[in-house]
Amino acid sequence: MIPLAWYIALSAVLFTIGALGVLVRRNPLVIFMSIELMLNSANLAFIAFSHAFGALSGQVFVFFVMAVAAAEVAVGLALIVAIFRTKHTINVDEMNSLKG
């Protein structure tokens, strides 16, 4: 049996890597992957606590987080494609205004 602290430590490490990816990287695709990594680390913590305390509410919450993450990816990728079509770049530093 793996202790709960190890799951939480792994979740914290994954969340930190995701947060650093959002703050450091300039490519929107990498930023979205980092956000997904942060959401998955939160899901890992929810599942670990749900298993440790014997409650199903954490697992239900993970289901809703996954649904929101899927919607976020669909909308985010559509925005990236629309911005690329108008500006011909996806560099975050060059997207400082939404004017056409």
PDB file of N, CA and C in Angstrom:
ATOM      1  N   MET A   1       0.847  -1.176   0.000  1.00  0.00           N
ATOM      2  CA  MET A   1       0.000   0.000   0.000  1.00  0.00           C
ATOM      3  C   MET A   1       0.898   1.247   0.000  1.00  0.00           C
ATOM      4  N   ILE A   2       0.642   2.122  -0.947  1.00  0.00           N
ATOM      5  CA  ILE A   2       1.426   3.354  -1.049  1.00  0.00           C
ATOM      6  C   ILE A   2       0.806   4.399  -0.126  1.00  0.00           C
ATOM      7  N   PRO A   3       1.621   5.076   0.679  1.00  0.00           N
ATOM      8  CA  PRO A   3       1.066   6.077   1.605  1.00  0.00           C
ATOM      9  C   PRO A   3       0.460   7.273   0.865  1.00  0.00           C
ATOM     10  N   LEU A   4      -0.493   7.906   1.526  1.00  0.00           N
ATOM     11  CA  LEU A   4      -1.175   9.064   0.961  1.00  0.00           C
ATOM     12  C   LEU A   4      -0.205  10.211   0.700  1.00  0.00           C
ATOM     13  N   ALA A   5       0.794  10.366   1.531  1.00  0.00           N
ATOM     14  CA  ALA A   5       1.752  11.469   1.386  1.00  0.00           C
ATOM     15  C   ALA A   5       2.519  11.384   0.067  1.00  0.00           C
ATOM     16  N   TRP A   6       2.764  10.170  -0.419  1.00  0.00           N
ATOM     17  CA  TRP A   6       3.477  10.035  -1.686  1.00  0.00           C
ATOM     18  C   TRP A   6       2.623  10.523  -2.850  1.00  0.00           C
ATOM     19  N   TYR A   7       1.331  10.216  -2.810  1.00  0.00           N
ATOM     20  CA  TYR A   7       0.437  10.704  -3.857  1.00  0.00           C
ATOM     21  C   TYR A   7       0.366  12.228  -3.845  1.00  0.00           C
ATOM     22  N   ILE A   8       0.297  12.792  -2.648  1.00  0.00           N
ATOM     23  CA  ILE A   8       0.205  14.247  -2.535  1.00  0.00           C
ATOM     24  C   ILE A   8       1.517  14.894  -2.966  1.00  0.00           C
ATOM     25  N   ALA A   9       2.632  14.279  -2.652  1.00  0.00           N
ATOM     26  CA  ALA A   9       3.928  14.808  -3.079  1.00  0.00           C
ATOM     27  C   ALA A   9       4.051  14.762  -4.605  1.00  0.00           C
ATOM     28  N   LEU A  10       3.628  13.650  -5.200  1.00  0.00           N
ATOM     29  CA  LEU A  10       3.650  13.554  -6.665  1.00  0.00           C
ATOM     30  C   LEU A  10       2.727  14.587  -7.292  1.00  0.00           C
ATOM     31  N   SER A  11       1.573  14.791  -6.694  1.00  0.00           N
ATOM     32  CA  SER A  11       0.641  15.799  -7.185  1.00  0.00           C
ATOM     33  C   SER A  11       1.252  17.194  -7.092  1.00  0.00           C
ATOM     34  N   ALA A  12       1.936  17.486  -6.008  1.00  0.00           N
ATOM     35  CA  ALA A  12       2.573  18.792  -5.845  1.00  0.00           C
ATOM     36  C   ALA A  12       3.691  18.999  -6.858  1.00  0.00           C
ATOM     37  N   VAL A  13       4.467  17.953  -7.117  1.00  0.00           N
ATOM     38  CA  VAL A  13       5.544  18.053  -8.106  1.00  0.00           C
ATOM     39  C   VAL A  13       4.964  18.295  -9.494  1.00  0.00           C
ATOM     40  N   LEU A  14       3.929  17.553  -9.863  1.00  0.00           N
ATOM     41  CA  LEU A  14       3.305  17.740 -11.176  1.00  0.00           C
ATOM     42  C   LEU A  14       2.695  19.129 -11.309  1.00  0.00           C
ATOM     43  N   PHE A  15       2.065  19.611 -10.236  1.00  0.00           N
ATOM     44  CA  PHE A  15       1.480  20.949 -10.281  1.00  0.00           C
ATOM     45  C   PHE A  15       2.564  22.012 -10.434  1.00  0.00           C
ATOM     46  N   THR A  16       3.687  21.829  -9.754  1.00  0.00           N
ATOM     47  CA  THR A  16       4.795  22.782  -9.862  1.00  0.00           C
ATOM     48  C   THR A  16       5.377  22.795 -11.264  1.00  0.00           C
ATOM     49  N   ILE A  17       5.541  21.628 -11.862  1.00  0.00           N
ATOM     50  CA  ILE A  17       6.040  21.561 -13.233  1.00  0.00           C
ATOM     51  C   ILE A  17       5.070  22.253 -14.185  1.00  0.00           C
ATOM     52  N   GLY A  18       3.785  22.035 -13.989  1.00  0.00           N
ATOM     53  CA  GLY A  18       2.790  22.695 -14.832  1.00  0.00           C
ATOM     54  C   GLY A  18       2.787  24.202 -14.653  1.00  0.00           C
ATOM     55  N   ALA A  19       2.901  24.669 -13.412  1.00  0.00           N
ATOM     56  CA  ALA A  19       2.926  26.108 -13.169  1.00  0.00           C
ATOM     57  C   ALA A  19       4.169  26.749 -13.774  1.00  0.00           C
ATOM     58  N   LEU A  20       5.305  26.091 -13.663  1.00  0.00           N
ATOM     59  CA  LEU A  20       6.516  26.611 -14.297  1.00  0.00           C
ATOM     60  C   LEU A  20       6.384  26.633 -15.819  1.00  0.00           C
ATOM     61  N   GLY A  21       5.720  25.622 -16.373  1.00  0.00           N
ATOM     62  CA  GLY A  21       5.495  25.599 -17.815  1.00  0.00           C
ATOM     63  C   GLY A  21       4.627  26.750 -18.279  1.00  0.00           C
ATOM     64  N   VAL A  22       3.624  27.110 -17.482  1.00  0.00           N
ATOM     65  CA  VAL A  22       2.761  28.242 -17.840  1.00  0.00           C
ATOM     66  C   VAL A  22       3.528  29.546 -17.735  1.00  0.00           C
ATOM     67  N   LEU A  23       4.349  29.684 -16.705  1.00  0.00           N
ATOM     68  CA  LEU A  23       5.045  30.948 -16.484  1.00  0.00           C
ATOM     69  C   LEU A  23       6.256  31.150 -17.392  1.00  0.00           C
ATOM     70  N   VAL A  24       6.924  30.076 -17.787  1.00  0.00           N
ATOM     71  CA  VAL A  24       8.184  30.207 -18.510  1.00  0.00           C
ATOM     72  C   VAL A  24       8.003  30.133 -20.022  1.00  0.00           C
ATOM     73  N   ARG A  25       7.174  29.240 -20.484  1.00  0.00           N
ATOM     74  CA  ARG A  25       7.078  28.995 -21.921  1.00  0.00           C
ATOM     75  C   ARG A  25       6.264  30.072 -22.622  1.00  0.00           C
ATOM     76  N   ARG A  26       6.513  30.274 -23.916  1.00  0.00           N
ATOM     77  CA  ARG A  26       5.831  31.290 -24.706  1.00  0.00           C
ATOM     78  C   ARG A  26       4.930  30.690 -25.776  1.00  0.00           C
ATOM     79  N   ASN A  27       4.978  29.405 -25.984  1.00  0.00           N
ATOM     80  CA  ASN A  27       4.151  28.745 -26.984  1.00  0.00           C
ATOM     81  C   ASN A  27       2.800  28.404 -26.368  1.00  0.00           C
ATOM     82  N   PRO A  28       1.685  28.840 -26.978  1.00  0.00           N
ATOM     83  CA  PRO A  28       0.377  28.573 -26.371  1.00  0.00           C
ATOM     84  C   PRO A  28       0.037  27.091 -26.266  1.00  0.00           C
ATOM     85  N   LEU A  29       0.532  26.279 -27.168  1.00  0.00           N
ATOM     86  CA  LEU A  29       0.261  24.841 -27.079  1.00  0.00           C
ATOM     87  C   LEU A  29       0.936  24.233 -25.842  1.00  0.00           C
ATOM     88  N   VAL A  30       2.150  24.663 -25.575  1.00  0.00           N
ATOM     89  CA  VAL A  30       2.856  24.184 -24.382  1.00  0.00           C
ATOM     90  C   VAL A  30       2.171  24.715 -23.129  1.00  0.00           C
ATOM     91  N   ILE A  31       1.673  25.947 -23.185  1.00  0.00           N
ATOM     92  CA  ILE A  31       0.947  26.508 -22.043  1.00  0.00           C
ATOM     93  C   ILE A  31      -0.308  25.698 -21.761  1.00  0.00           C
ATOM     94  N   PHE A  32      -1.046  25.326 -22.816  1.00  0.00           N
ATOM     95  CA  PHE A  32      -2.241  24.504 -22.607  1.00  0.00           C
ATOM     96  C   PHE A  32      -1.888  23.122 -22.063  1.00  0.00           C
ATOM     97  N   MET A  33      -0.793  22.541 -22.532  1.00  0.00           N
ATOM     98  CA  MET A  33      -0.377  21.245 -21.981  1.00  0.00           C
ATOM     99  C   MET A  33       0.016  21.386 -20.514  1.00  0.00           C
ATOM    100  N   SER A  34       0.615  22.505 -20.156  1.00  0.00           N
ATOM    101  CA  SER A  34       0.979  22.735 -18.756  1.00  0.00           C
ATOM    102  C   SER A  34      -0.263  22.904 -17.887  1.00  0.00           C
ATOM    103  N   ILE A  35      -1.276  23.580 -18.420  1.00  0.00           N
ATOM    104  CA  ILE A  35      -2.537  23.717 -17.682  1.00  0.00           C
ATOM    105  C   ILE A  35      -3.180  22.351 -17.490  1.00  0.00           C
ATOM    106  N   GLU A  36      -3.139  21.524 -18.516  1.00  0.00           N
ATOM    107  CA  GLU A  36      -3.674  20.163 -18.393  1.00  0.00           C
ATOM    108  C   GLU A  36      -2.903  19.364 -17.342  1.00  0.00           C
ATOM    109  N   LEU A  37      -1.592  19.554 -17.285  1.00  0.00           N
ATOM    110  CA  LEU A  37      -0.793  18.872 -16.273  1.00  0.00           C
ATOM    111  C   LEU A  37      -1.198  19.324 -14.871  1.00  0.00           C
ATOM    112  N   MET A  38      -1.470  20.613 -14.717  1.00  0.00           N
ATOM    113  CA  MET A  38      -1.919  21.123 -13.425  1.00  0.00           C
ATOM    114  C   MET A  38      -3.282  20.545 -13.051  1.00  0.00           C
ATOM    115  N   LEU A  39      -4.196  20.458 -14.015  1.00  0.00           N
ATOM    116  CA  LEU A  39      -5.510  19.870 -13.741  1.00  0.00           C
ATOM    117  C   LEU A  39      -5.396  18.392 -13.380  1.00  0.00           C
ATOM    118  N   ASN A  40      -4.514  17.677 -14.063  1.00  0.00           N
ATOM    119  CA  ASN A  40      -4.336  16.259 -13.753  1.00  0.00           C
ATOM    120  C   ASN A  40      -3.686  16.056 -12.386  1.00  0.00           C
ATOM    121  N   SER A  41      -2.821  16.967 -11.982  1.00  0.00           N
ATOM    122  CA  SER A  41      -2.245  16.837 -10.638  1.00  0.00           C
ATOM    123  C   SER A  41      -3.313  17.076  -9.572  1.00  0.00           C
ATOM    124  N   ALA A  42      -4.226  18.006  -9.832  1.00  0.00           N
ATOM    125  CA  ALA A  42      -5.336  18.204  -8.900  1.00  0.00           C
ATOM    126  C   ALA A  42      -6.234  16.966  -8.873  1.00  0.00           C
ATOM    127  N   ASN A  43      -6.459  16.359 -10.026  1.00  0.00           N
ATOM    128  CA  ASN A  43      -7.256  15.135 -10.082  1.00  0.00           C
ATOM    129  C   ASN A  43      -6.604  14.015  -9.280  1.00  0.00           C
ATOM    130  N   LEU A  44      -5.282  13.915  -9.373  1.00  0.00           N
ATOM    131  CA  LEU A  44      -4.572  12.895  -8.600  1.00  0.00           C
ATOM    132  C   LEU A  44      -4.773  13.114  -7.099  1.00  0.00           C
ATOM    133  N   ALA A  45      -4.722  14.352  -6.669  1.00  0.00           N
ATOM    134  CA  ALA A  45      -4.940  14.647  -5.249  1.00  0.00           C
ATOM    135  C   ALA A  45      -6.375  14.318  -4.842  1.00  0.00           C
ATOM    136  N   PHE A  46      -7.348  14.648  -5.691  1.00  0.00           N
ATOM    137  CA  PHE A  46      -8.744  14.328  -5.382  1.00  0.00           C
ATOM    138  C   PHE A  46      -8.943  12.824  -5.258  1.00  0.00           C
ATOM    139  N   ILE A  47      -8.376  12.070  -6.173  1.00  0.00           N
ATOM    140  CA  ILE A  47      -8.528  10.607  -6.136  1.00  0.00           C
ATOM    141  C   ILE A  47      -7.822  10.029  -4.916  1.00  0.00           C
ATOM    142  N   ALA A  48      -6.653  10.548  -4.585  1.00  0.00           N
ATOM    143  CA  ALA A  48      -5.923  10.037  -3.415  1.00  0.00           C
ATOM    144  C   ALA A  48      -6.703  10.286  -2.131  1.00  0.00           C
ATOM    145  N   PHE A  49      -7.228  11.502  -1.970  1.00  0.00           N
ATOM    146  CA  PHE A  49      -8.017  11.786  -0.773  1.00  0.00           C
ATOM    147  C   PHE A  49      -9.326  11.000  -0.758  1.00  0.00           C
ATOM    148  N   SER A  50      -9.920  10.837  -1.926  1.00  0.00           N
ATOM    149  CA  SER A  50     -11.163  10.077  -2.013  1.00  0.00           C
ATOM    150  C   SER A  50     -10.940   8.624  -1.596  1.00  0.00           C
ATOM    151  N   HIS A  51      -9.828   8.053  -2.046  1.00  0.00           N
ATOM    152  CA  HIS A  51      -9.524   6.671  -1.675  1.00  0.00           C
ATOM    153  C   HIS A  51      -9.158   6.560  -0.191  1.00  0.00           C
ATOM    154  N   ALA A  52      -8.426   7.539   0.313  1.00  0.00           N
ATOM    155  CA  ALA A  52      -7.984   7.483   1.709  1.00  0.00           C
ATOM    156  C   ALA A  52      -9.155   7.608   2.681  1.00  0.00           C
ATOM    157  N   PHE A  53     -10.130   8.438   2.341  1.00  0.00           N
ATOM    158  CA  PHE A  53     -11.253   8.661   3.250  1.00  0.00           C
ATOM    159  C   PHE A  53     -12.485   7.845   2.894  1.00  0.00           C
ATOM    160  N   GLY A  54     -12.415   7.082   1.815  1.00  0.00           N
ATOM    161  CA  GLY A  54     -13.521   6.204   1.461  1.00  0.00           C
ATOM    162  C   GLY A  54     -14.760   6.915   0.950  1.00  0.00           C
ATOM    163  N   ALA A  55     -14.607   8.089   0.396  1.00  0.00           N
ATOM    164  CA  ALA A  55     -15.745   8.851  -0.115  1.00  0.00           C
ATOM    165  C   ALA A  55     -15.687   8.889  -1.637  1.00  0.00           C
ATOM    166  N   LEU A  56     -16.837   8.881  -2.257  1.00  0.00           N
ATOM    167  CA  LEU A  56     -16.891   8.935  -3.721  1.00  0.00           C
ATOM    168  C   LEU A  56     -16.985  10.356  -4.258  1.00  0.00           C
ATOM    169  N   SER A  57     -17.114  11.324  -3.391  1.00  0.00           N
ATOM    170  CA  SER A  57     -17.287  12.702  -3.861  1.00  0.00           C
ATOM    171  C   SER A  57     -16.055  13.202  -4.611  1.00  0.00           C
ATOM    172  N   GLY A  58     -14.871  12.786  -4.222  1.00  0.00           N
ATOM    173  CA  GLY A  58     -13.657  13.187  -4.925  1.00  0.00           C
ATOM    174  C   GLY A  58     -13.610  12.646  -6.339  1.00  0.00           C
ATOM    175  N   GLN A  59     -14.074  11.414  -6.513  1.00  0.00           N
ATOM    176  CA  GLN A  59     -14.085  10.820  -7.842  1.00  0.00           C
ATOM    177  C   GLN A  59     -15.126  11.470  -8.742  1.00  0.00           C
ATOM    178  N   VAL A  60     -16.237  11.864  -8.178  1.00  0.00           N
ATOM    179  CA  VAL A  60     -17.250  12.583  -8.954  1.00  0.00           C
ATOM    180  C   VAL A  60     -16.711  13.944  -9.377  1.00  0.00           C
ATOM    181  N   PHE A  61     -15.999  14.602  -8.465  1.00  0.00           N
ATOM    182  CA  PHE A  61     -15.427  15.901  -8.789  1.00  0.00           C
ATOM    183  C   PHE A  61     -14.382  15.779  -9.892  1.00  0.00           C
ATOM    184  N   VAL A  62     -13.622  14.699  -9.902  1.00  0.00           N
ATOM    185  CA  VAL A  62     -12.636  14.456 -10.960  1.00  0.00           C
ATOM    186  C   VAL A  62     -13.331  14.327 -12.309  1.00  0.00           C
ATOM    187  N   PHE A  63     -14.472  13.681 -12.339  1.00  0.00           N
ATOM    188  CA  PHE A  63     -15.226  13.560 -13.582  1.00  0.00           C
ATOM    189  C   PHE A  63     -15.591  14.939 -14.134  1.00  0.00           C
ATOM    190  N   PHE A  64     -16.039  15.834 -13.265  1.00  0.00           N
ATOM    191  CA  PHE A  64     -16.400  17.182 -13.711  1.00  0.00           C
ATOM    192  C   PHE A  64     -15.171  17.982 -14.130  1.00  0.00           C
ATOM    193  N   VAL A  65     -14.055  17.810 -13.442  1.00  0.00           N
ATOM    194  CA  VAL A  65     -12.825  18.504 -13.830  1.00  0.00           C
ATOM    195  C   VAL A  65     -12.368  18.031 -15.198  1.00  0.00           C
ATOM    196  N   MET A  66     -12.487  16.740 -15.478  1.00  0.00           N
ATOM    197  CA  MET A  66     -12.106  16.224 -16.795  1.00  0.00           C
ATOM    198  C   MET A  66     -13.013  16.768 -17.887  1.00  0.00           C
ATOM    199  N   ALA A  67     -14.294  16.924 -17.607  1.00  0.00           N
ATOM    200  CA  ALA A  67     -15.215  17.489 -18.593  1.00  0.00           C
ATOM    201  C   ALA A  67     -14.878  18.948 -18.873  1.00  0.00           C
ATOM    202  N   VAL A  68     -14.564  19.703 -17.836  1.00  0.00           N
ATOM    203  CA  VAL A  68     -14.181  21.113 -18.018  1.00  0.00           C
ATOM    204  C   VAL A  68     -12.855  21.205 -18.768  1.00  0.00           C
ATOM    205  N   ALA A  69     -11.922  20.312 -18.485  1.00  0.00           N
ATOM    206  CA  ALA A  69     -10.635  20.319 -19.171  1.00  0.00           C
ATOM    207  C   ALA A  69     -10.807  20.015 -20.656  1.00  0.00           C
ATOM    208  N   ALA A  70     -11.695  19.102 -20.994  1.00  0.00           N
ATOM    209  CA  ALA A  70     -11.942  18.795 -22.405  1.00  0.00           C
ATOM    210  C   ALA A  70     -12.552  19.997 -23.120  1.00  0.00           C
ATOM    211  N   ALA A  71     -13.465  20.681 -22.468  1.00  0.00           N
ATOM    212  CA  ALA A  71     -14.057  21.880 -23.070  1.00  0.00           C
ATOM    213  C   ALA A  71     -13.008  22.988 -23.200  1.00  0.00           C
ATOM    214  N   GLU A  72     -12.149  23.107 -22.215  1.00  0.00           N
ATOM    215  CA  GLU A  72     -11.094  24.128 -22.260  1.00  0.00           C
ATOM    216  C   GLU A  72     -10.139  23.870 -23.412  1.00  0.00           C
ATOM    217  N   VAL A  73      -9.809  22.633 -23.661  1.00  0.00           N
ATOM    218  CA  VAL A  73      -8.919  22.297 -24.768  1.00  0.00           C
ATOM    219  C   VAL A  73      -9.589  22.604 -26.102  1.00  0.00           C
ATOM    220  N   ALA A  74     -10.845  22.273 -26.239  1.00  0.00           N
ATOM    221  CA  ALA A  74     -11.542  22.526 -27.497  1.00  0.00           C
ATOM    222  C   ALA A  74     -11.629  24.023 -27.791  1.00  0.00           C
ATOM    223  N   VAL A  75     -12.007  24.810 -26.808  1.00  0.00           N
ATOM    224  CA  VAL A  75     -12.113  26.259 -27.001  1.00  0.00           C
ATOM    225  C   VAL A  75     -10.728  26.878 -27.177  1.00  0.00           C
ATOM    226  N   GLY A  76      -9.765  26.444 -26.385  1.00  0.00           N
ATOM    227  CA  GLY A  76      -8.415  26.996 -26.481  1.00  0.00           C
ATOM    228  C   GLY A  76      -7.771  26.733 -27.824  1.00  0.00           C
ATOM    229  N   LEU A  77      -7.899  25.516 -28.331  1.00  0.00           N
ATOM    230  CA  LEU A  77      -7.322  25.218 -29.640  1.00  0.00           C
ATOM    231  C   LEU A  77      -8.034  25.973 -30.755  1.00  0.00           C
ATOM    232  N   ALA A  78      -9.338  26.157 -30.632  1.00  0.00           N
ATOM    233  CA  ALA A  78     -10.061  26.958 -31.626  1.00  0.00           C
ATOM    234  C   ALA A  78      -9.573  28.406 -31.607  1.00  0.00           C
ATOM    235  N   LEU A  79      -9.333  28.947 -30.429  1.00  0.00           N
ATOM    236  CA  LEU A  79      -8.796  30.310 -30.329  1.00  0.00           C
ATOM    237  C   LEU A  79      -7.391  30.401 -30.925  1.00  0.00           C
ATOM    238  N   ILE A  80      -6.564  29.420 -30.667  1.00  0.00           N
ATOM    239  CA  ILE A  80      -5.205  29.429 -31.220  1.00  0.00           C
ATOM    240  C   ILE A  80      -5.246  29.392 -32.741  1.00  0.00           C
ATOM    241  N   VAL A  81      -6.104  28.556 -33.309  1.00  0.00           N
ATOM    242  CA  VAL A  81      -6.220  28.477 -34.771  1.00  0.00           C
ATOM    243  C   VAL A  81      -6.731  29.795 -35.340  1.00  0.00           C
ATOM    244  N   ALA A  82      -7.717  30.411 -34.684  1.00  0.00           N
ATOM    245  CA  ALA A  82      -8.258  31.684 -35.168  1.00  0.00           C
ATOM    246  C   ALA A  82      -7.210  32.791 -35.089  1.00  0.00           C
ATOM    247  N   ILE A  83      -6.432  32.828 -34.023  1.00  0.00           N
ATOM    248  CA  ILE A  83      -5.384  33.841 -33.899  1.00  0.00           C
ATOM    249  C   ILE A  83      -4.283  33.605 -34.920  1.00  0.00           C
ATOM    250  N   PHE A  84      -3.934  32.346 -35.149  1.00  0.00           N
ATOM    251  CA  PHE A  84      -2.891  32.046 -36.136  1.00  0.00           C
ATOM    252  C   PHE A  84      -3.325  32.465 -37.535  1.00  0.00           C
ATOM    253  N   ARG A  85      -4.603  32.300 -37.843  1.00  0.00           N
ATOM    254  CA  ARG A  85      -5.089  32.695 -39.172  1.00  0.00           C
ATOM    255  C   ARG A  85      -5.027  34.202 -39.381  1.00  0.00           C
ATOM    256  N   THR A  86      -5.222  34.976 -38.333  1.00  0.00           N
ATOM    257  CA  THR A  86      -5.209  36.426 -38.498  1.00  0.00           C
ATOM    258  C   THR A  86      -3.813  37.026 -38.328  1.00  0.00           C
ATOM    259  N   LYS A  87      -3.042  36.555 -37.367  1.00  0.00           N
ATOM    260  CA  LYS A  87      -1.736  37.154 -37.065  1.00  0.00           C
ATOM    261  C   LYS A  87      -0.563  36.401 -37.687  1.00  0.00           C
ATOM    262  N   HIS A  88      -0.767  35.178 -38.148  1.00  0.00           N
ATOM    263  CA  HIS A  88       0.270  34.323 -38.731  1.00  0.00           C
ATOM    264  C   HIS A  88       1.406  34.025 -37.760  1.00  0.00           C
ATOM    265  N   THR A  89       1.099  34.037 -36.487  1.00  0.00           N
ATOM    266  CA  THR A  89       2.049  33.638 -35.448  1.00  0.00           C
ATOM    267  C   THR A  89       1.258  33.176 -34.226  1.00  0.00           C
ATOM    268  N   ILE A  90       1.873  32.316 -33.435  1.00  0.00           N
ATOM    269  CA  ILE A  90       1.235  31.902 -32.187  1.00  0.00           C
ATOM    270  C   ILE A  90       2.125  32.211 -30.996  1.00  0.00           C
ATOM    271  N   ASN A  91       3.084  33.121 -31.193  1.00  0.00           N
ATOM    272  CA  ASN A  91       3.951  33.529 -30.095  1.00  0.00           C
ATOM    273  C   ASN A  91       3.154  34.412 -29.135  1.00  0.00           C
ATOM    274  N   VAL A  92       3.186  34.084 -27.861  1.00  0.00           N
ATOM    275  CA  VAL A  92       2.389  34.799 -26.873  1.00  0.00           C
ATOM    276  C   VAL A  92       2.850  36.247 -26.733  1.00  0.00           C
ATOM    277  N   ASP A  93       4.141  36.515 -26.884  1.00  0.00           N
ATOM    278  CA  ASP A  93       4.659  37.874 -26.742  1.00  0.00           C
ATOM    279  C   ASP A  93       4.142  38.797 -27.849  1.00  0.00           C
ATOM    280  N   GLU A  94       3.849  38.253 -29.012  1.00  0.00           N
ATOM    281  CA  GLU A  94       3.385  39.072 -30.129  1.00  0.00           C
ATOM    282  C   GLU A  94       1.874  39.239 -30.149  1.00  0.00           C
ATOM    283  N   MET A  95       1.168  38.567 -29.270  1.00  0.00           N
ATOM    284  CA  MET A  95      -0.291  38.665 -29.207  1.00  0.00           C
ATOM    285  C   MET A  95      -0.701  39.582 -28.057  1.00  0.00           C
ATOM    286  N   ASN A  96      -0.278  40.824 -28.095  1.00  0.00           N
ATOM    287  CA  ASN A  96      -0.583  41.734 -26.998  1.00  0.00           C
ATOM    288  C   ASN A  96      -1.889  42.480 -27.193  1.00  0.00           C
ATOM    289  N   SER A  97      -2.475  42.429 -28.370  1.00  0.00           N
ATOM    290  CA  SER A  97      -3.764  43.072 -28.599  1.00  0.00           C
ATOM    291  C   SER A  97      -4.637  42.163 -29.434  1.00  0.00           C
ATOM    292  N   LEU A  98      -5.937  42.359 -29.331  1.00  0.00           N
ATOM    293  CA  LEU A  98      -6.873  41.528 -30.085  1.00  0.00           C
ATOM    294  C   LEU A  98      -7.422  42.264 -31.302  1.00  0.00           C
ATOM    295  N   LYS A  99      -6.785  43.371 -31.668  1.00  0.00           N
ATOM    296  CA  LYS A  99      -7.216  44.093 -32.860  1.00  0.00           C
ATOM    297  C   LYS A  99      -6.840  43.315 -34.108  1.00  0.00           C
ATOM    298  N   GLY A 100      -7.662  43.421 -35.138  1.00  0.00           N
ATOM    299  CA  GLY A 100      -7.417  42.695 -36.390  1.00  0.00           C
ATOM    300  C   GLY A 100      -6.469  43.364 -37.242  1.00  0.00           C
TER     301      GLY A 100
END
